[in-house]
């Protein structure tokens, strides 16, 4: 999968009305979390830098939310 590079750095912006791009500094963390979820590792057992492991209860909720959404996660 090719990684897209943005020429503009996205900074964290709180906007209660509209969605905003994921800040540039957070993107690799989000990518690692999604990759773990694609592998059905909802507890992040292999670790994601800067992210605490997820409890079994929360991991179960995440799995159920993804299943209920009805789509397949992909990288």
N, C-alpha and C. Protein backbone atom coordinates (compact mmCIF):
# COMPACT_ATOMS: atom_id res chain seq x y z
N UNK A 1 0.84 -1.16 0.00
CA UNK A 1 0.00 0.00 0.00
C UNK A 1 0.89 1.23 0.00
N UNK A 2 0.63 2.13 -0.91
CA UNK A 2 1.40 3.37 -0.98
C UNK A 2 0.95 4.32 0.11
N UNK A 3 1.91 4.97 0.72
CA UNK A 3 1.59 5.96 1.74
C UNK A 3 1.50 7.32 1.08
N UNK A 4 0.41 8.00 1.35
CA UNK A 4 0.24 9.34 0.80
C UNK A 4 0.95 10.33 1.71
N UNK A 5 1.65 11.25 1.12
CA UNK A 5 2.35 12.28 1.87
C UNK A 5 1.65 13.61 1.61
N UNK A 6 1.34 14.28 2.68
CA UNK A 6 0.73 15.59 2.56
C UNK A 6 1.83 16.64 2.61
N UNK A 7 1.70 17.63 1.77
CA UNK A 7 2.68 18.71 1.78
C UNK A 7 2.37 19.70 2.90
N UNK A 8 1.15 19.62 3.43
CA UNK A 8 0.73 20.51 4.49
C UNK A 8 0.59 19.72 5.78
N UNK A 9 1.24 20.21 6.83
CA UNK A 9 1.10 19.53 8.11
C UNK A 9 -0.25 19.90 8.71
N UNK A 10 -1.01 18.86 9.09
CA UNK A 10 -2.29 19.07 9.75
C UNK A 10 -2.07 19.12 11.25
N UNK A 11 -2.50 20.17 11.87
CA UNK A 11 -2.36 20.32 13.32
C UNK A 11 -3.68 19.97 13.99
N UNK A 12 -3.64 19.56 15.27
CA UNK A 12 -4.88 19.27 15.98
C UNK A 12 -5.79 20.50 16.01
N UNK A 13 -7.05 20.30 15.69
CA UNK A 13 -8.02 21.38 15.67
C UNK A 13 -9.33 20.85 16.21
N UNK A 14 -9.82 21.48 17.26
CA UNK A 14 -11.11 21.07 17.83
C UNK A 14 -12.20 21.88 17.14
N UNK A 15 -13.12 21.16 16.52
CA UNK A 15 -14.24 21.80 15.83
C UNK A 15 -15.48 20.97 16.13
N UNK A 16 -16.36 21.49 16.93
CA UNK A 16 -17.57 20.76 17.34
C UNK A 16 -18.57 20.60 16.19
N UNK A 17 -18.41 21.35 15.15
CA UNK A 17 -19.39 21.36 14.05
C UNK A 17 -18.99 20.51 12.85
N UNK A 18 -17.72 20.44 12.55
CA UNK A 18 -17.27 19.78 11.32
C UNK A 18 -16.11 18.83 11.60
N UNK A 19 -16.05 17.74 10.85
CA UNK A 19 -14.91 16.83 10.93
C UNK A 19 -13.70 17.52 10.34
N UNK A 20 -12.55 17.19 10.88
CA UNK A 20 -11.29 17.75 10.41
C UNK A 20 -10.34 16.61 10.07
N UNK A 21 -9.31 16.88 9.26
CA UNK A 21 -8.33 15.83 8.98
C UNK A 21 -7.63 15.38 10.25
N UNK A 22 -7.21 14.12 10.26
CA UNK A 22 -6.43 13.62 11.39
C UNK A 22 -5.09 14.36 11.39
N UNK A 23 -4.70 14.89 12.54
CA UNK A 23 -3.41 15.60 12.58
C UNK A 23 -2.27 14.71 12.10
N UNK A 24 -1.35 15.32 11.39
CA UNK A 24 -0.22 14.61 10.80
C UNK A 24 0.53 13.78 11.84
N UNK A 25 0.78 14.34 13.01
CA UNK A 25 1.55 13.65 14.04
C UNK A 25 0.86 12.40 14.57
N UNK A 26 -0.44 12.30 14.42
CA UNK A 26 -1.20 11.16 14.95
C UNK A 26 -1.42 10.06 13.92
N UNK A 27 -1.16 10.32 12.66
CA UNK A 27 -1.53 9.39 11.59
C UNK A 27 -0.87 8.03 11.69
N UNK A 28 0.41 7.97 12.02
CA UNK A 28 1.06 6.66 12.10
C UNK A 28 0.48 5.84 13.25
N UNK A 29 0.09 6.49 14.34
CA UNK A 29 -0.53 5.78 15.46
C UNK A 29 -1.88 5.22 15.03
N UNK A 30 -2.70 6.04 14.37
CA UNK A 30 -4.00 5.56 13.89
C UNK A 30 -3.81 4.41 12.90
N UNK A 31 -2.82 4.53 12.03
CA UNK A 31 -2.55 3.48 11.04
C UNK A 31 -2.20 2.17 11.75
N UNK A 32 -1.37 2.24 12.80
CA UNK A 32 -0.99 1.04 13.54
C UNK A 32 -2.19 0.41 14.26
N UNK A 33 -3.06 1.26 14.80
CA UNK A 33 -4.26 0.75 15.48
C UNK A 33 -5.17 0.05 14.48
N UNK A 34 -5.41 0.68 13.35
CA UNK A 34 -6.27 0.07 12.33
C UNK A 34 -5.66 -1.24 11.84
N UNK A 35 -4.36 -1.26 11.61
CA UNK A 35 -3.71 -2.50 11.17
C UNK A 35 -3.89 -3.62 12.19
N UNK A 36 -3.82 -3.29 13.48
CA UNK A 36 -4.06 -4.29 14.52
C UNK A 36 -5.50 -4.78 14.46
N UNK A 37 -6.44 -3.87 14.29
CA UNK A 37 -7.86 -4.25 14.22
C UNK A 37 -8.14 -5.10 12.98
N UNK A 38 -7.48 -4.81 11.88
CA UNK A 38 -7.64 -5.62 10.66
C UNK A 38 -7.24 -7.07 10.96
N UNK A 39 -6.23 -7.24 11.81
CA UNK A 39 -5.75 -8.57 12.19
C UNK A 39 -6.55 -9.15 13.36
N UNK A 40 -7.66 -8.49 13.73
CA UNK A 40 -8.53 -8.90 14.84
C UNK A 40 -7.81 -8.84 16.19
N UNK A 41 -6.81 -7.99 16.29
CA UNK A 41 -6.09 -7.77 17.54
C UNK A 41 -6.70 -6.53 18.21
N UNK A 42 -7.87 -6.69 18.79
CA UNK A 42 -8.60 -5.57 19.37
C UNK A 42 -8.02 -5.14 20.72
N UNK A 43 -7.15 -5.95 21.30
CA UNK A 43 -6.50 -5.59 22.57
C UNK A 43 -5.14 -4.94 22.36
N UNK A 44 -4.71 -4.85 21.11
CA UNK A 44 -3.39 -4.30 20.76
C UNK A 44 -2.28 -5.05 21.49
N UNK A 45 -2.39 -6.36 21.48
CA UNK A 45 -1.45 -7.21 22.22
C UNK A 45 -0.02 -7.11 21.69
N UNK A 46 0.15 -6.78 20.43
CA UNK A 46 1.51 -6.62 19.87
C UNK A 46 2.06 -5.23 20.13
N UNK A 47 1.26 -4.37 20.72
CA UNK A 47 1.69 -3.04 21.09
C UNK A 47 1.60 -2.03 19.97
N UNK A 48 1.23 -0.82 20.37
CA UNK A 48 1.25 0.34 19.49
C UNK A 48 1.93 1.44 20.30
N UNK A 49 3.00 1.98 19.77
CA UNK A 49 3.76 2.98 20.51
C UNK A 49 2.87 4.14 20.95
N UNK A 50 2.93 4.44 22.23
CA UNK A 50 2.17 5.55 22.78
C UNK A 50 0.73 5.23 23.14
N UNK A 51 0.33 3.97 22.97
CA UNK A 51 -1.05 3.56 23.26
C UNK A 51 -1.03 2.43 24.27
N UNK A 52 -1.83 2.57 25.32
CA UNK A 52 -1.93 1.52 26.32
C UNK A 52 -2.68 0.33 25.77
N UNK A 53 -2.38 -0.87 26.25
CA UNK A 53 -3.16 -2.04 25.83
C UNK A 53 -4.64 -1.84 26.19
N UNK A 54 -5.50 -2.49 25.46
CA UNK A 54 -6.94 -2.35 25.63
C UNK A 54 -7.45 -3.51 26.48
N UNK A 55 -8.34 -3.20 27.41
CA UNK A 55 -8.90 -4.25 28.28
C UNK A 55 -9.74 -5.22 27.45
N UNK A 56 -9.94 -6.40 27.99
CA UNK A 56 -10.75 -7.41 27.30
C UNK A 56 -12.18 -6.89 27.08
N UNK A 57 -12.72 -6.19 28.06
CA UNK A 57 -14.09 -5.65 27.95
C UNK A 57 -14.18 -4.63 26.81
N UNK A 58 -13.24 -3.71 26.76
CA UNK A 58 -13.25 -2.70 25.71
C UNK A 58 -12.98 -3.33 24.35
N UNK A 59 -12.07 -4.29 24.29
CA UNK A 59 -11.78 -4.98 23.03
C UNK A 59 -13.02 -5.68 22.50
N UNK A 60 -13.80 -6.26 23.39
CA UNK A 60 -15.04 -6.92 22.98
C UNK A 60 -16.01 -5.90 22.40
N UNK A 61 -16.10 -4.72 23.03
CA UNK A 61 -16.98 -3.67 22.52
C UNK A 61 -16.53 -3.20 21.14
N UNK A 62 -15.23 -3.01 20.97
CA UNK A 62 -14.70 -2.58 19.67
C UNK A 62 -15.06 -3.60 18.60
N UNK A 63 -14.84 -4.88 18.89
CA UNK A 63 -15.18 -5.93 17.93
C UNK A 63 -16.66 -5.90 17.58
N UNK A 64 -17.50 -5.75 18.59
CA UNK A 64 -18.95 -5.70 18.35
C UNK A 64 -19.34 -4.49 17.52
N UNK A 65 -18.74 -3.33 17.79
CA UNK A 65 -19.05 -2.13 17.00
C UNK A 65 -18.66 -2.33 15.54
N UNK A 66 -17.48 -2.91 15.31
CA UNK A 66 -17.03 -3.15 13.94
C UNK A 66 -17.95 -4.16 13.27
N UNK A 67 -18.29 -5.24 13.97
CA UNK A 67 -19.20 -6.25 13.40
C UNK A 67 -20.56 -5.65 13.09
N UNK A 68 -21.08 -4.84 14.00
CA UNK A 68 -22.40 -4.22 13.82
C UNK A 68 -22.42 -3.25 12.64
N UNK A 69 -21.28 -2.61 12.38
CA UNK A 69 -21.20 -1.66 11.27
C UNK A 69 -21.41 -2.36 9.94
N UNK A 70 -20.99 -3.62 9.87
CA UNK A 70 -21.29 -4.43 8.69
C UNK A 70 -20.31 -4.32 7.54
N UNK A 71 -19.19 -3.69 7.75
CA UNK A 71 -18.17 -3.58 6.71
C UNK A 71 -16.89 -4.24 7.20
N UNK A 72 -16.01 -4.57 6.27
CA UNK A 72 -14.74 -5.19 6.60
C UNK A 72 -13.66 -4.11 6.67
N UNK A 73 -12.90 -4.12 7.77
CA UNK A 73 -11.78 -3.19 7.84
C UNK A 73 -10.70 -3.61 6.86
N UNK A 74 -10.08 -2.65 6.24
CA UNK A 74 -8.99 -2.92 5.29
C UNK A 74 -7.89 -1.90 5.52
N UNK A 75 -6.69 -2.29 5.16
CA UNK A 75 -5.55 -1.38 5.29
C UNK A 75 -5.48 -0.49 4.08
